[in-house]
Amino acid sequence: SITSDLLRGHTDTIILSQLIKGDTYGYAINKVIKENTKNMYELKEATLYSAFIEQSGYISSYWGNEDKGARRRYYTITEQGKNVYEQNKKDWEEAKNLIDTLIGEER
């Protein structure tokens, strides 16, 4: 759908927005996204994990010490990731305002 296409371009920012709240693991990020969108949007597992490419320097990871269940890889946002997130938010607001201006008023 068009909504998914629009959101797909912002996957990194969506994920960074979750990590800025605290360290977490992939499944939990997707669960929050699904809950917050009332199941209207979710990241495909491959998309979720491909977005975690640490070479970008936006995130780093570590293994958790779970007492029960499978061991989880946790992700944390880096200072560079925080800066990118803030810039992406500003860029989104500018784009949103421009689009609202262009299509928001009937002429």
N, C-alpha and C. Protein backbone atom coordinates (compact mmCIF):
# COMPACT_ATOMS: atom_id res chain seq x y z
N SER A 1 0.84 -1.19 0.00
CA SER A 1 0.00 0.00 0.00
C SER A 1 0.88 1.24 0.00
N ILE A 2 0.27 2.36 -0.31
CA ILE A 2 1.02 3.62 -0.35
C ILE A 2 1.58 3.97 1.02
N THR A 3 0.84 3.66 2.08
CA THR A 3 1.32 3.94 3.43
C THR A 3 2.59 3.15 3.72
N SER A 4 2.60 1.88 3.37
CA SER A 4 3.79 1.06 3.59
C SER A 4 4.96 1.58 2.77
N ASP A 5 4.69 2.02 1.54
CA ASP A 5 5.75 2.57 0.71
C ASP A 5 6.35 3.83 1.33
N LEU A 6 5.50 4.68 1.87
CA LEU A 6 5.98 5.90 2.51
C LEU A 6 6.79 5.59 3.77
N LEU A 7 6.30 4.66 4.56
CA LEU A 7 6.98 4.31 5.80
C LEU A 7 8.30 3.58 5.55
N ARG A 8 8.35 2.78 4.49
CA ARG A 8 9.54 1.99 4.20
C ARG A 8 10.78 2.88 4.09
N GLY A 9 10.62 4.07 3.56
CA GLY A 9 11.74 4.99 3.42
C GLY A 9 12.23 5.56 4.75
N HIS A 10 11.49 5.27 5.80
CA HIS A 10 11.83 5.82 7.12
C HIS A 10 12.08 4.73 8.15
N THR A 11 12.36 3.53 7.68
CA THR A 11 12.56 2.39 8.57
C THR A 11 13.64 2.65 9.61
N ASP A 12 14.78 3.16 9.17
CA ASP A 12 15.87 3.42 10.12
C ASP A 12 15.43 4.39 11.21
N THR A 13 14.73 5.44 10.82
CA THR A 13 14.28 6.44 11.80
C THR A 13 13.26 5.84 12.76
N ILE A 14 12.38 5.00 12.25
CA ILE A 14 11.38 4.35 13.10
C ILE A 14 12.08 3.47 14.14
N ILE A 15 13.06 2.72 13.69
CA ILE A 15 13.80 1.85 14.61
C ILE A 15 14.61 2.68 15.60
N LEU A 16 15.28 3.72 15.11
CA LEU A 16 16.05 4.58 16.02
C LEU A 16 15.14 5.23 17.05
N SER A 17 13.90 5.55 16.66
CA SER A 17 12.97 6.17 17.62
C SER A 17 12.65 5.23 18.77
N GLN A 18 12.68 3.93 18.52
CA GLN A 18 12.46 2.97 19.59
C GLN A 18 13.71 2.83 20.45
N LEU A 19 14.87 2.83 19.82
CA LEU A 19 16.12 2.65 20.57
C LEU A 19 16.48 3.88 21.39
N ILE A 20 16.00 5.04 21.00
CA ILE A 20 16.29 6.26 21.77
C ILE A 20 15.62 6.18 23.14
N LYS A 21 14.58 5.34 23.25
CA LYS A 21 13.87 5.15 24.52
C LYS A 21 14.59 4.16 25.43
N GLY A 22 15.51 3.38 24.84
CA GLY A 22 16.24 2.40 25.63
C GLY A 22 16.62 1.20 24.80
N ASP A 23 17.58 0.45 25.29
CA ASP A 23 18.04 -0.75 24.60
C ASP A 23 16.91 -1.77 24.50
N THR A 24 16.87 -2.47 23.40
CA THR A 24 15.86 -3.50 23.21
C THR A 24 16.30 -4.46 22.12
N TYR A 25 15.47 -5.44 21.83
CA TYR A 25 15.80 -6.45 20.82
C TYR A 25 14.77 -6.37 19.70
N GLY A 26 15.09 -7.01 18.58
CA GLY A 26 14.30 -6.88 17.36
C GLY A 26 12.83 -7.19 17.50
N TYR A 27 12.49 -8.32 18.09
CA TYR A 27 11.09 -8.71 18.22
C TYR A 27 10.30 -7.65 19.01
N ALA A 28 10.90 -7.12 20.05
CA ALA A 28 10.22 -6.12 20.89
C ALA A 28 9.98 -4.83 20.10
N ILE A 29 10.92 -4.46 19.25
CA ILE A 29 10.73 -3.26 18.43
C ILE A 29 9.52 -3.45 17.52
N ASN A 30 9.48 -4.59 16.85
CA ASN A 30 8.37 -4.84 15.94
C ASN A 30 7.04 -4.90 16.68
N LYS A 31 7.04 -5.48 17.87
CA LYS A 31 5.82 -5.58 18.67
C LYS A 31 5.28 -4.18 19.01
N VAL A 32 6.16 -3.27 19.40
CA VAL A 32 5.75 -1.90 19.74
C VAL A 32 5.20 -1.20 18.50
N ILE A 33 5.87 -1.39 17.37
CA ILE A 33 5.41 -0.76 16.12
C ILE A 33 4.00 -1.27 15.77
N LYS A 34 3.80 -2.56 15.86
CA LYS A 34 2.48 -3.13 15.57
C LYS A 34 1.43 -2.59 16.54
N GLU A 35 1.75 -2.55 17.83
CA GLU A 35 0.80 -2.06 18.83
C GLU A 35 0.48 -0.59 18.60
N ASN A 36 1.51 0.22 18.35
CA ASN A 36 1.31 1.66 18.18
C ASN A 36 0.51 1.99 16.92
N THR A 37 0.55 1.11 15.93
CA THR A 37 -0.19 1.34 14.69
C THR A 37 -1.46 0.50 14.62
N LYS A 38 -1.83 -0.11 15.73
CA LYS A 38 -3.02 -0.96 15.80
C LYS A 38 -2.99 -2.02 14.70
N ASN A 39 -1.83 -2.65 14.57
CA ASN A 39 -1.58 -3.73 13.60
C ASN A 39 -1.68 -3.30 12.14
N MET A 40 -1.61 -2.00 11.88
CA MET A 40 -1.68 -1.53 10.50
C MET A 40 -0.32 -1.57 9.82
N TYR A 41 0.74 -1.64 10.61
CA TYR A 41 2.09 -1.65 10.03
C TYR A 41 2.98 -2.51 10.90
N GLU A 42 3.83 -3.28 10.23
CA GLU A 42 4.84 -4.04 10.93
C GLU A 42 6.04 -4.16 10.01
N LEU A 43 7.19 -4.32 10.62
CA LEU A 43 8.40 -4.53 9.84
C LEU A 43 8.54 -6.01 9.56
N LYS A 44 8.81 -6.32 8.33
CA LYS A 44 9.11 -7.72 8.00
C LYS A 44 10.42 -8.06 8.70
N GLU A 45 10.54 -9.29 9.14
CA GLU A 45 11.73 -9.68 9.91
C GLU A 45 13.02 -9.38 9.16
N ALA A 46 13.05 -9.67 7.86
CA ALA A 46 14.26 -9.41 7.08
C ALA A 46 14.57 -7.91 7.05
N THR A 47 13.52 -7.08 6.92
CA THR A 47 13.71 -5.63 6.92
C THR A 47 14.23 -5.17 8.27
N LEU A 48 13.63 -5.70 9.32
CA LEU A 48 14.03 -5.31 10.66
C LEU A 48 15.50 -5.58 10.90
N TYR A 49 15.92 -6.79 10.58
CA TYR A 49 17.31 -7.14 10.87
C TYR A 49 18.29 -6.54 9.87
N SER A 50 17.87 -6.32 8.63
CA SER A 50 18.79 -5.69 7.69
C SER A 50 19.02 -4.23 8.07
N ALA A 51 18.04 -3.64 8.74
CA ALA A 51 18.19 -2.26 9.17
C ALA A 51 19.18 -2.15 10.32
N PHE A 52 19.51 -3.25 10.96
CA PHE A 52 20.43 -3.23 12.09
C PHE A 52 21.89 -3.34 11.67
N ILE A 53 22.19 -3.03 10.45
CA ILE A 53 23.57 -3.11 10.00
C ILE A 53 24.41 -2.15 10.85
N GLU A 54 25.27 -2.70 11.62
CA GLU A 54 26.03 -1.89 12.56
C GLU A 54 27.12 -1.08 11.88
N GLN A 55 27.43 -1.39 10.64
CA GLN A 55 28.46 -0.65 9.93
C GLN A 55 28.08 0.82 9.77
N SER A 56 26.80 1.12 9.85
CA SER A 56 26.35 2.51 9.74
C SER A 56 26.85 3.34 10.91
N GLY A 57 27.12 2.67 12.02
CA GLY A 57 27.56 3.39 13.21
C GLY A 57 26.43 3.98 14.01
N TYR A 58 25.18 3.75 13.59
CA TYR A 58 24.03 4.32 14.29
C TYR A 58 23.63 3.51 15.51
N ILE A 59 23.99 2.26 15.51
CA ILE A 59 23.65 1.37 16.61
C ILE A 59 24.82 0.45 16.91
N SER A 60 24.76 -0.15 18.07
CA SER A 60 25.69 -1.24 18.40
C SER A 60 24.85 -2.32 19.09
N SER A 61 25.43 -3.49 19.24
CA SER A 61 24.65 -4.59 19.82
C SER A 61 25.47 -5.35 20.84
N TYR A 62 24.75 -6.11 21.64
CA TYR A 62 25.37 -6.98 22.63
C TYR A 62 24.41 -8.11 22.94
N TRP A 63 24.94 -9.18 23.45
CA TRP A 63 24.10 -10.33 23.81
C TRP A 63 23.59 -10.17 25.23
N GLY A 64 22.30 -10.42 25.41
CA GLY A 64 21.69 -10.36 26.73
C GLY A 64 21.99 -11.62 27.52
N ASN A 65 21.71 -11.57 28.81
CA ASN A 65 21.92 -12.71 29.70
C ASN A 65 20.57 -13.21 30.21
N GLU A 66 19.76 -13.75 29.33
CA GLU A 66 18.44 -14.24 29.72
C GLU A 66 18.57 -15.52 30.54
N ASP A 67 17.78 -15.59 31.59
CA ASP A 67 17.74 -16.80 32.41
C ASP A 67 16.85 -17.86 31.77
N LYS A 68 15.84 -17.41 31.03
CA LYS A 68 14.90 -18.33 30.40
C LYS A 68 14.81 -18.00 28.92
N GLY A 69 14.55 -19.01 28.11
CA GLY A 69 14.34 -18.79 26.69
C GLY A 69 15.64 -18.57 25.94
N ALA A 70 15.48 -18.21 24.69
CA ALA A 70 16.64 -18.02 23.81
C ALA A 70 17.41 -16.75 24.19
N ARG A 71 18.67 -16.79 23.96
CA ARG A 71 19.52 -15.63 24.19
C ARG A 71 19.21 -14.58 23.13
N ARG A 72 19.07 -13.34 23.54
CA ARG A 72 18.68 -12.26 22.62
C ARG A 72 19.83 -11.31 22.37
N ARG A 73 19.86 -10.80 21.14
CA ARG A 73 20.80 -9.75 20.78
C ARG A 73 20.08 -8.42 21.00
N TYR A 74 20.64 -7.59 21.87
CA TYR A 74 20.07 -6.29 22.17
C TYR A 74 20.78 -5.22 21.36
N TYR A 75 20.04 -4.17 21.04
CA TYR A 75 20.57 -3.07 20.26
C TYR A 75 20.49 -1.80 21.08
N THR A 76 21.51 -0.96 20.90
CA THR A 76 21.56 0.32 21.58
C THR A 76 21.93 1.39 20.56
N ILE A 77 21.41 2.57 20.75
CA ILE A 77 21.68 3.66 19.82
C ILE A 77 22.99 4.35 20.22
N THR A 78 23.78 4.72 19.24
CA THR A 78 25.04 5.42 19.50
C THR A 78 24.79 6.93 19.44
N GLU A 79 25.80 7.70 19.80
CA GLU A 79 25.68 9.17 19.69
C GLU A 79 25.43 9.56 18.24
N GLN A 80 26.11 8.91 17.32
CA GLN A 80 25.89 9.18 15.90
C GLN A 80 24.45 8.86 15.52
N GLY A 81 23.93 7.76 16.02
CA GLY A 81 22.55 7.38 15.77
C GLY A 81 21.57 8.40 16.31
N LYS A 82 21.85 8.93 17.49
CA LYS A 82 20.99 9.97 18.07
C LYS A 82 20.98 11.21 17.20
N ASN A 83 22.16 11.60 16.70
CA ASN A 83 22.24 12.77 15.83
C ASN A 83 21.48 12.55 14.53
N VAL A 84 21.63 11.37 13.94
CA VAL A 84 20.92 11.04 12.70
C VAL A 84 19.42 11.04 12.95
N TYR A 85 18.99 10.47 14.07
CA TYR A 85 17.57 10.44 14.41
C TYR A 85 17.00 11.86 14.51
N GLU A 86 17.69 12.74 15.22
CA GLU A 86 17.22 14.12 15.37
C GLU A 86 17.15 14.83 14.02
N GLN A 87 18.16 14.63 13.17
CA GLN A 87 18.15 15.27 11.85
C GLN A 87 17.03 14.70 10.99
N ASN A 88 16.83 13.39 11.04
CA ASN A 88 15.75 12.77 10.26
C ASN A 88 14.38 13.27 10.71
N LYS A 89 14.22 13.49 12.02
CA LYS A 89 12.95 14.04 12.53
C LYS A 89 12.72 15.44 11.97
N LYS A 90 13.77 16.26 11.96
CA LYS A 90 13.65 17.62 11.41
C LYS A 90 13.31 17.56 9.93
N ASP A 91 14.00 16.70 9.20
CA ASP A 91 13.73 16.55 7.76
C ASP A 91 12.30 16.13 7.51
N TRP A 92 11.79 15.19 8.34
CA TRP A 92 10.42 14.72 8.19
C TRP A 92 9.43 15.86 8.44
N GLU A 93 9.66 16.64 9.48
CA GLU A 93 8.76 17.75 9.78
C GLU A 93 8.74 18.76 8.65
N GLU A 94 9.91 19.06 8.08
CA GLU A 94 9.96 19.99 6.94
C GLU A 94 9.18 19.44 5.76
N ALA A 95 9.40 18.16 5.44
CA ALA A 95 8.70 17.54 4.32
C ALA A 95 7.19 17.50 4.58
N LYS A 96 6.81 17.14 5.80
CA LYS A 96 5.39 17.08 6.16
C LYS A 96 4.74 18.45 6.02
N ASN A 97 5.40 19.48 6.51
CA ASN A 97 4.85 20.83 6.41
C ASN A 97 4.72 21.27 4.95
N LEU A 98 5.70 20.93 4.14
CA LEU A 98 5.65 21.28 2.72
C LEU A 98 4.50 20.56 2.02
N ILE A 99 4.36 19.27 2.29
CA ILE A 99 3.27 18.51 1.68
C ILE A 99 1.92 19.04 2.16
N ASP A 100 1.81 19.33 3.47
CA ASP A 100 0.56 19.90 3.98
C ASP A 100 0.23 21.19 3.27
N THR A 101 1.24 22.01 3.03
CA THR A 101 1.03 23.28 2.34
C THR A 101 0.57 23.04 0.91
N LEU A 102 1.18 22.07 0.24
CA LEU A 102 0.86 21.84 -1.16
C LEU A 102 -0.49 21.16 -1.37
N ILE A 103 -0.91 20.29 -0.46
CA ILE A 103 -2.17 19.57 -0.68
C ILE A 103 -3.23 19.86 0.38
N GLY A 104 -2.86 20.63 1.38
CA GLY A 104 -3.76 20.84 2.50
C GLY A 104 -4.89 21.79 2.27
N GLU A 105 -4.74 22.69 1.33
CA GLU A 105 -5.78 23.69 1.09
C GLU A 105 -6.42 23.43 -0.26
N GLU A 106 -7.73 23.49 -0.27
CA GLU A 106 -8.41 23.37 -1.56
C GLU A 106 -8.43 24.74 -2.21
N ARG A 107 -8.23 24.75 -3.48
CA ARG A 107 -8.16 26.04 -4.19
C ARG A 107 -9.37 26.22 -5.06
